[in-house]
Amino acid sequence: MIGNLGAWEVILVFLVVLLLFGAKRLPEIGAALGKGIREFKGATRDIQREIESSTDAPADKPIDKPTDKNST
């Protein structure tokens, strides 16, 4: 089952979509929907990699205290 929808609700939604768009347009709509989902997943993966790479970067080096050249 999808989310909180039962089997009958999914069938009803499918029938309404079939009536609205027709049988010939359903494969086109499905392909476009699949392509959109793939692009969205790819974009979220890229953003996640970017965030992980920015957190993995080493922190700035601490500033060393200047040494006194006069002391040996």
N, C-alpha and C. Protein backbone atom coordinates (compact mmCIF):
# COMPACT_ATOMS: atom_id res chain seq x y z
N MET A 1 0.83 -1.18 0.00
CA MET A 1 0.00 0.00 0.00
C MET A 1 0.87 1.25 0.00
N ILE A 2 0.37 2.28 -0.58
CA ILE A 2 1.11 3.52 -0.73
C ILE A 2 0.66 4.49 0.35
N GLY A 3 1.58 4.83 1.28
CA GLY A 3 1.24 5.79 2.34
C GLY A 3 0.05 5.31 3.13
N ASN A 4 -0.94 6.17 3.26
CA ASN A 4 -2.16 5.84 3.99
C ASN A 4 -3.28 5.39 3.06
N LEU A 5 -2.96 5.23 1.77
CA LEU A 5 -3.98 4.83 0.82
C LEU A 5 -4.12 3.31 0.79
N GLY A 6 -5.35 2.87 0.73
CA GLY A 6 -5.60 1.44 0.62
C GLY A 6 -5.63 1.04 -0.85
N ALA A 7 -5.83 -0.23 -1.10
CA ALA A 7 -5.84 -0.74 -2.47
C ALA A 7 -6.98 -0.13 -3.28
N TRP A 8 -8.14 0.00 -2.69
CA TRP A 8 -9.29 0.55 -3.42
C TRP A 8 -9.07 2.02 -3.77
N GLU A 9 -8.45 2.76 -2.90
CA GLU A 9 -8.18 4.17 -3.19
C GLU A 9 -7.19 4.32 -4.34
N VAL A 10 -6.16 3.46 -4.36
CA VAL A 10 -5.17 3.50 -5.44
C VAL A 10 -5.84 3.16 -6.76
N ILE A 11 -6.70 2.15 -6.77
CA ILE A 11 -7.42 1.76 -7.99
C ILE A 11 -8.32 2.90 -8.45
N LEU A 12 -9.00 3.55 -7.53
CA LEU A 12 -9.87 4.66 -7.89
C LEU A 12 -9.08 5.81 -8.50
N VAL A 13 -7.94 6.16 -7.90
CA VAL A 13 -7.10 7.23 -8.43
C VAL A 13 -6.61 6.86 -9.83
N PHE A 14 -6.18 5.61 -10.03
CA PHE A 14 -5.73 5.16 -11.34
C PHE A 14 -6.84 5.28 -12.37
N LEU A 15 -8.05 4.89 -12.02
CA LEU A 15 -9.16 4.98 -12.96
C LEU A 15 -9.49 6.42 -13.32
N VAL A 16 -9.44 7.31 -12.35
CA VAL A 16 -9.71 8.73 -12.62
C VAL A 16 -8.63 9.29 -13.56
N VAL A 17 -7.37 8.96 -13.30
CA VAL A 17 -6.28 9.42 -14.17
C VAL A 17 -6.45 8.84 -15.56
N LEU A 18 -6.85 7.59 -15.65
CA LEU A 18 -7.07 6.95 -16.95
C LEU A 18 -8.18 7.66 -17.71
N LEU A 19 -9.25 8.02 -17.02
CA LEU A 19 -10.35 8.73 -17.68
C LEU A 19 -9.95 10.14 -18.10
N LEU A 20 -9.15 10.82 -17.28
CA LEU A 20 -8.76 12.19 -17.61
C LEU A 20 -7.78 12.26 -18.78
N PHE A 21 -6.78 11.39 -18.80
CA PHE A 21 -5.71 11.51 -19.77
C PHE A 21 -5.79 10.49 -20.91
N GLY A 22 -6.48 9.41 -20.73
CA GLY A 22 -6.58 8.39 -21.77
C GLY A 22 -5.44 7.40 -21.69
N ALA A 23 -5.65 6.25 -22.30
CA ALA A 23 -4.68 5.16 -22.22
C ALA A 23 -3.41 5.47 -23.00
N LYS A 24 -3.50 6.26 -24.07
CA LYS A 24 -2.32 6.55 -24.88
C LYS A 24 -1.35 7.50 -24.18
N ARG A 25 -1.86 8.36 -23.34
CA ARG A 25 -1.00 9.36 -22.68
C ARG A 25 -0.37 8.84 -21.38
N LEU A 26 -0.88 7.77 -20.81
CA LEU A 26 -0.36 7.27 -19.54
C LEU A 26 1.12 6.89 -19.60
N PRO A 27 1.61 6.20 -20.64
CA PRO A 27 3.05 5.90 -20.68
C PRO A 27 3.91 7.16 -20.75
N GLU A 28 3.45 8.17 -21.48
CA GLU A 28 4.19 9.44 -21.56
C GLU A 28 4.25 10.12 -20.20
N ILE A 29 3.12 10.12 -19.52
CA ILE A 29 3.06 10.74 -18.19
C ILE A 29 3.94 9.98 -17.21
N GLY A 30 3.90 8.66 -17.28
CA GLY A 30 4.74 7.85 -16.40
C GLY A 30 6.22 8.07 -16.65
N ALA A 31 6.60 8.16 -17.93
CA ALA A 31 8.01 8.40 -18.26
C ALA A 31 8.46 9.77 -17.77
N ALA A 32 7.63 10.77 -17.96
CA ALA A 32 7.97 12.12 -17.51
C ALA A 32 8.07 12.17 -15.99
N LEU A 33 7.16 11.49 -15.32
CA LEU A 33 7.19 11.45 -13.86
C LEU A 33 8.45 10.73 -13.36
N GLY A 34 8.79 9.62 -13.99
CA GLY A 34 10.00 8.89 -13.62
C GLY A 34 11.26 9.72 -13.84
N LYS A 35 11.31 10.44 -14.96
CA LYS A 35 12.46 11.30 -15.24
C LYS A 35 12.57 12.41 -14.20
N GLY A 36 11.47 12.99 -13.84
CA GLY A 36 11.47 14.04 -12.81
C GLY A 36 11.94 13.53 -11.46
N ILE A 37 11.50 12.34 -11.10
CA ILE A 37 11.92 11.75 -9.82
C ILE A 37 13.41 11.45 -9.83
N ARG A 38 13.93 10.92 -10.96
CA ARG A 38 15.37 10.65 -11.06
C ARG A 38 16.19 11.93 -10.95
N GLU A 39 15.74 13.00 -11.61
CA GLU A 39 16.45 14.28 -11.53
C GLU A 39 16.42 14.83 -10.11
N PHE A 40 15.30 14.70 -9.44
CA PHE A 40 15.18 15.18 -8.07
C PHE A 40 16.12 14.40 -7.15
N LYS A 41 16.16 13.08 -7.30
CA LYS A 41 17.06 12.27 -6.48
C LYS A 41 18.52 12.61 -6.75
N GLY A 42 18.86 12.83 -8.02
CA GLY A 42 20.22 13.21 -8.37
C GLY A 42 20.61 14.54 -7.75
N ALA A 43 19.69 15.50 -7.79
CA ALA A 43 19.97 16.81 -7.21
C ALA A 43 20.14 16.71 -5.70
N THR A 44 19.30 15.92 -5.04
CA THR A 44 19.44 15.78 -3.59
C THR A 44 20.74 15.07 -3.24
N ARG A 45 21.15 14.09 -4.08
CA ARG A 45 22.43 13.40 -3.85
C ARG A 45 23.60 14.37 -3.99
N ASP A 46 23.53 15.23 -5.01
CA ASP A 46 24.60 16.22 -5.21
C ASP A 46 24.69 17.19 -4.04
N ILE A 47 23.54 17.64 -3.56
CA ILE A 47 23.52 18.56 -2.42
C ILE A 47 24.07 17.86 -1.18
N GLN A 48 23.70 16.60 -0.98
CA GLN A 48 24.19 15.85 0.18
C GLN A 48 25.71 15.68 0.10
N ARG A 49 26.24 15.37 -1.09
CA ARG A 49 27.70 15.25 -1.25
C ARG A 49 28.39 16.58 -0.96
N GLU A 50 27.80 17.65 -1.43
CA GLU A 50 28.39 18.97 -1.21
C GLU A 50 28.43 19.32 0.28
N ILE A 51 27.37 19.00 0.98
CA ILE A 51 27.32 19.26 2.42
C ILE A 51 28.34 18.40 3.14
N GLU A 52 28.42 17.11 2.76
CA GLU A 52 29.37 16.22 3.41
C GLU A 52 30.81 16.64 3.13
N SER A 53 31.09 17.10 1.92
CA SER A 53 32.46 17.51 1.60
C SER A 53 32.83 18.79 2.35
N SER A 54 31.86 19.66 2.57
CA SER A 54 32.17 20.90 3.30
C SER A 54 32.38 20.62 4.79
N THR A 55 31.72 19.59 5.33
CA THR A 55 31.93 19.27 6.74
C THR A 55 33.17 18.43 6.95
N ASP A 56 33.63 17.72 5.89
CA ASP A 56 34.84 16.91 6.00
C ASP A 56 36.11 17.73 5.84
N ALA A 57 35.97 18.95 5.34
CA ALA A 57 37.16 19.79 5.13
C ALA A 57 37.81 20.09 6.47
N PRO A 58 39.14 20.06 6.53
CA PRO A 58 39.81 20.33 7.80
C PRO A 58 39.58 21.78 8.23
N ALA A 59 39.48 21.93 9.52
CA ALA A 59 39.28 23.28 10.07
C ALA A 59 40.55 24.08 9.88
N ASP A 60 40.43 25.37 9.94
CA ASP A 60 41.61 26.22 9.80
C ASP A 60 42.61 25.87 10.89
N LYS A 61 43.87 25.95 10.52
CA LYS A 61 44.91 25.65 11.50
C LYS A 61 44.90 26.71 12.59
N PRO A 62 45.12 26.29 13.82
CA PRO A 62 45.18 27.30 14.88
C PRO A 62 46.41 28.18 14.67
N ILE A 63 46.26 29.40 15.04
CA ILE A 63 47.35 30.35 14.87
C ILE A 63 48.40 30.07 15.92
N ASP A 64 49.64 29.86 15.45
CA ASP A 64 50.75 29.62 16.37
C ASP A 64 51.12 30.92 17.05
N LYS A 65 51.51 30.78 18.29
CA LYS A 65 51.98 31.97 19.01
C LYS A 65 53.34 32.38 18.45
N PRO A 66 53.54 33.66 18.27
CA PRO A 66 54.85 34.07 17.74
C PRO A 66 55.94 33.73 18.74
N THR A 67 57.03 33.24 18.20
CA THR A 67 58.15 32.90 19.07
C THR A 67 59.02 34.14 19.26
N ASP A 68 59.59 34.20 20.43
CA ASP A 68 60.48 35.32 20.74
C ASP A 68 61.87 34.99 20.21
N LYS A 69 62.35 35.77 19.27
CA LYS A 69 63.64 35.48 18.65
C LYS A 69 64.78 35.73 19.60
N ASN A 70 64.56 36.54 20.61
CA ASN A 70 65.64 36.87 21.54
C ASN A 70 65.89 35.73 22.52
N SER A 71 64.89 34.94 22.81
CA SER A 71 65.13 33.85 23.75
C SER A 71 65.68 32.65 23.01
N THR A 72 66.53 31.92 23.62
CA THR A 72 67.18 30.82 22.97
C THR A 72 66.59 29.52 23.31
